[in-house]
Amino acid sequence: MTTITLRQLVRETRKVKRMTEAGDSFLVTDHGKPLWKVSPATEADEDSRAKDIDAELDLLLTEPKSTYNLAEIVIQNRR
């Protein structure tokens, strides 16, 4: 598995994108210590992500509505 530094990840995003588009996985390190494992997304990942988002939204919709009016907050902070 290829290893890149966190600095490379931040500074060479196009290179990293090309690596994942080619199907390569790699390990991101910070000061020599493993930080993340990056691998290309699959359709299963997208399905799982969509299910997670739906579950989070369902949870939010069960909570009581806020007593704060966002429009009023925006108007007050524009002055």
N, C-alpha and C. Protein backbone atom coordinates (compact mmCIF):
# COMPACT_ATOMS: atom_id res chain seq x y z
N MET A 1 0.85 -1.17 0.00
CA MET A 1 0.00 0.00 0.00
C MET A 1 0.90 1.24 0.00
N THR A 2 0.52 2.22 -0.81
CA THR A 2 1.26 3.47 -0.89
C THR A 2 1.04 4.30 0.37
N THR A 3 2.06 5.02 0.78
CA THR A 3 1.95 5.90 1.93
C THR A 3 2.25 7.32 1.49
N ILE A 4 1.40 8.27 1.92
CA ILE A 4 1.66 9.68 1.66
C ILE A 4 1.52 10.44 2.98
N THR A 5 2.14 11.58 3.03
CA THR A 5 2.06 12.39 4.25
C THR A 5 0.82 13.26 4.22
N LEU A 6 0.43 13.73 5.37
CA LEU A 6 -0.72 14.63 5.46
C LEU A 6 -0.45 15.88 4.63
N ARG A 7 0.76 16.35 4.65
CA ARG A 7 1.14 17.53 3.88
C ARG A 7 0.92 17.30 2.38
N GLN A 8 1.32 16.12 1.90
CA GLN A 8 1.10 15.77 0.49
C GLN A 8 -0.39 15.74 0.17
N LEU A 9 -1.17 15.18 1.07
CA LEU A 9 -2.61 15.09 0.86
C LEU A 9 -3.22 16.47 0.67
N VAL A 10 -2.78 17.42 1.48
CA VAL A 10 -3.32 18.77 1.41
C VAL A 10 -2.80 19.52 0.19
N ARG A 11 -1.53 19.38 -0.11
CA ARG A 11 -0.92 20.16 -1.18
C ARG A 11 -1.07 19.56 -2.58
N GLU A 12 -1.26 18.26 -2.66
CA GLU A 12 -1.32 17.60 -3.96
C GLU A 12 -2.66 16.89 -4.14
N THR A 13 -3.74 17.63 -4.00
CA THR A 13 -5.07 17.00 -4.05
C THR A 13 -5.38 16.38 -5.41
N ARG A 14 -4.90 16.98 -6.48
CA ARG A 14 -5.15 16.39 -7.81
C ARG A 14 -4.48 15.03 -7.93
N LYS A 15 -3.27 14.93 -7.43
CA LYS A 15 -2.54 13.65 -7.47
C LYS A 15 -3.30 12.60 -6.67
N VAL A 16 -3.78 12.98 -5.50
CA VAL A 16 -4.53 12.06 -4.65
C VAL A 16 -5.82 11.64 -5.34
N LYS A 17 -6.48 12.58 -5.97
CA LYS A 17 -7.72 12.26 -6.70
C LYS A 17 -7.44 11.27 -7.82
N ARG A 18 -6.37 11.49 -8.57
CA ARG A 18 -6.02 10.56 -9.64
C ARG A 18 -5.71 9.17 -9.10
N MET A 19 -5.06 9.13 -7.95
CA MET A 19 -4.73 7.83 -7.34
C MET A 19 -6.00 7.06 -7.00
N THR A 20 -6.96 7.74 -6.40
CA THR A 20 -8.19 7.03 -6.01
C THR A 20 -9.04 6.71 -7.22
N GLU A 21 -9.04 7.58 -8.23
CA GLU A 21 -9.79 7.27 -9.45
C GLU A 21 -9.23 6.03 -10.14
N ALA A 22 -7.92 5.83 -10.01
CA ALA A 22 -7.28 4.65 -10.60
C ALA A 22 -7.53 3.39 -9.77
N GLY A 23 -8.18 3.54 -8.62
CA GLY A 23 -8.49 2.39 -7.78
C GLY A 23 -7.46 2.10 -6.71
N ASP A 24 -6.50 3.01 -6.55
CA ASP A 24 -5.44 2.80 -5.55
C ASP A 24 -5.90 3.21 -4.16
N SER A 25 -5.50 2.45 -3.17
CA SER A 25 -5.69 2.80 -1.77
C SER A 25 -4.36 3.24 -1.21
N PHE A 26 -4.37 4.10 -0.21
CA PHE A 26 -3.12 4.55 0.38
C PHE A 26 -3.33 4.93 1.82
N LEU A 27 -2.22 5.02 2.53
CA LEU A 27 -2.21 5.35 3.94
C LEU A 27 -1.69 6.78 4.10
N VAL A 28 -2.42 7.61 4.85
CA VAL A 28 -1.99 8.98 5.13
C VAL A 28 -1.34 8.97 6.51
N THR A 29 -0.13 9.54 6.57
CA THR A 29 0.59 9.59 7.85
C THR A 29 0.81 11.03 8.28
N ASP A 30 0.95 11.20 9.58
CA ASP A 30 1.26 12.50 10.15
C ASP A 30 2.42 12.29 11.11
N HIS A 31 3.56 12.88 10.79
CA HIS A 31 4.79 12.70 11.57
C HIS A 31 5.14 11.22 11.71
N GLY A 32 4.94 10.48 10.61
CA GLY A 32 5.32 9.07 10.57
C GLY A 32 4.30 8.11 11.18
N LYS A 33 3.23 8.64 11.78
CA LYS A 33 2.22 7.77 12.40
C LYS A 33 1.00 7.66 11.48
N PRO A 34 0.47 6.46 11.31
CA PRO A 34 -0.71 6.29 10.46
C PRO A 34 -1.89 7.12 10.97
N LEU A 35 -2.54 7.81 10.05
CA LEU A 35 -3.65 8.66 10.42
C LEU A 35 -4.95 8.17 9.80
N TRP A 36 -4.95 7.99 8.47
CA TRP A 36 -6.14 7.53 7.75
C TRP A 36 -5.74 6.53 6.68
N LYS A 37 -6.70 5.68 6.34
CA LYS A 37 -6.57 4.83 5.17
C LYS A 37 -7.59 5.37 4.16
N VAL A 38 -7.11 5.73 2.99
CA VAL A 38 -7.98 6.29 1.96
C VAL A 38 -8.12 5.27 0.85
N SER A 39 -9.37 5.02 0.45
CA SER A 39 -9.62 4.08 -0.64
C SER A 39 -10.78 4.62 -1.48
N PRO A 40 -10.86 4.22 -2.73
CA PRO A 40 -11.92 4.70 -3.60
C PRO A 40 -13.31 4.29 -3.08
N ALA A 41 -14.26 5.17 -3.30
CA ALA A 41 -15.64 4.87 -2.90
C ALA A 41 -16.25 3.87 -3.88
N THR A 42 -17.15 3.06 -3.36
CA THR A 42 -17.87 2.10 -4.19
C THR A 42 -19.35 2.41 -4.13
N GLU A 43 -20.12 1.74 -4.95
CA GLU A 43 -21.57 1.95 -4.92
C GLU A 43 -22.14 1.55 -3.56
N ALA A 44 -21.58 0.52 -2.95
CA ALA A 44 -22.04 0.10 -1.63
C ALA A 44 -21.80 1.20 -0.61
N ASP A 45 -20.66 1.91 -0.74
CA ASP A 45 -20.37 3.03 0.15
C ASP A 45 -21.42 4.13 -0.02
N GLU A 46 -21.79 4.41 -1.26
CA GLU A 46 -22.79 5.45 -1.52
C GLU A 46 -24.15 5.05 -0.95
N ASP A 47 -24.51 3.77 -1.09
CA ASP A 47 -25.78 3.29 -0.53
C ASP A 47 -25.78 3.43 0.99
N SER A 48 -24.67 3.04 1.61
CA SER A 48 -24.55 3.14 3.06
C SER A 48 -24.61 4.60 3.50
N ARG A 49 -23.94 5.48 2.76
CA ARG A 49 -23.95 6.90 3.09
C ARG A 49 -25.37 7.47 2.99
N ALA A 50 -26.09 7.10 1.94
CA ALA A 50 -27.46 7.58 1.78
C ALA A 50 -28.35 7.10 2.93
N LYS A 51 -28.18 5.84 3.35
CA LYS A 51 -28.96 5.31 4.47
C LYS A 51 -28.63 6.05 5.77
N ASP A 52 -27.35 6.33 5.98
CA ASP A 52 -26.94 7.07 7.18
C ASP A 52 -27.55 8.48 7.20
N ILE A 53 -27.55 9.14 6.05
CA ILE A 53 -28.13 10.48 5.96
C ILE A 53 -29.62 10.43 6.23
N ASP A 54 -30.31 9.46 5.65
CA ASP A 54 -31.75 9.32 5.89
C ASP A 54 -32.04 9.07 7.37
N ALA A 55 -31.24 8.23 8.01
CA ALA A 55 -31.44 7.94 9.43
C ALA A 55 -31.24 9.20 10.27
N GLU A 56 -30.23 9.98 9.94
CA GLU A 56 -29.97 11.23 10.67
C GLU A 56 -31.11 12.23 10.49
N LEU A 57 -31.60 12.34 9.26
CA LEU A 57 -32.72 13.25 9.00
C LEU A 57 -33.98 12.80 9.73
N ASP A 58 -34.23 11.49 9.74
CA ASP A 58 -35.39 10.97 10.47
C ASP A 58 -35.30 11.31 11.95
N LEU A 59 -34.11 11.21 12.51
CA LEU A 59 -33.90 11.55 13.91
C LEU A 59 -34.16 13.04 14.15
N LEU A 60 -33.66 13.88 13.26
CA LEU A 60 -33.88 15.33 13.41
C LEU A 60 -35.36 15.70 13.33
N LEU A 61 -36.09 15.00 12.48
CA LEU A 61 -37.50 15.32 12.30
C LEU A 61 -38.36 14.90 13.50
N THR A 62 -37.84 14.02 14.34
CA THR A 62 -38.60 13.61 15.52
C THR A 62 -38.41 14.57 16.70
N GLU A 63 -37.38 15.43 16.61
CA GLU A 63 -37.12 16.38 17.69
C GLU A 63 -38.10 17.54 17.61
N PRO A 64 -38.37 18.18 18.75
CA PRO A 64 -39.29 19.33 18.74
C PRO A 64 -38.69 20.50 17.95
N LYS A 65 -39.60 21.32 17.40
CA LYS A 65 -39.15 22.47 16.63
C LYS A 65 -38.50 23.49 17.54
N SER A 66 -37.58 24.24 16.97
CA SER A 66 -36.88 25.27 17.71
C SER A 66 -37.82 26.43 18.03
N THR A 67 -37.57 27.08 19.14
CA THR A 67 -38.37 28.26 19.50
C THR A 67 -37.78 29.52 18.89
N TYR A 68 -36.61 29.41 18.28
CA TYR A 68 -35.95 30.55 17.67
C TYR A 68 -36.41 30.73 16.22
N ASN A 69 -36.63 31.97 15.82
CA ASN A 69 -37.01 32.27 14.46
C ASN A 69 -35.76 32.71 13.71
N LEU A 70 -35.32 31.92 12.76
CA LEU A 70 -34.08 32.19 12.06
C LEU A 70 -34.14 33.52 11.30
N ALA A 71 -35.28 33.83 10.71
CA ALA A 71 -35.41 35.08 9.97
C ALA A 71 -35.17 36.28 10.89
N GLU A 72 -35.71 36.23 12.11
CA GLU A 72 -35.52 37.33 13.05
C GLU A 72 -34.05 37.45 13.47
N ILE A 73 -33.38 36.33 13.67
CA ILE A 73 -31.97 36.34 14.05
C ILE A 73 -31.14 36.99 12.94
N VAL A 74 -31.42 36.64 11.69
CA VAL A 74 -30.67 37.20 10.57
C VAL A 74 -30.92 38.71 10.48
N ILE A 75 -32.17 39.12 10.61
CA ILE A 75 -32.48 40.55 10.53
C ILE A 75 -31.79 41.33 11.66
N GLN A 76 -31.81 40.80 12.86
CA GLN A 76 -31.18 41.48 14.00
C GLN A 76 -29.68 41.62 13.81
N ASN A 77 -29.05 40.64 13.22
CA ASN A 77 -27.60 40.66 13.08
C ASN A 77 -27.12 41.44 11.86
N ARG A 78 -28.01 41.89 11.03
CA ARG A 78 -27.64 42.70 9.87
C ARG A 78 -27.47 44.16 10.24
N ARG A 79 -27.99 44.55 11.37
CA ARG A 79 -27.94 45.98 11.75
C ARG A 79 -26.61 46.38 12.26
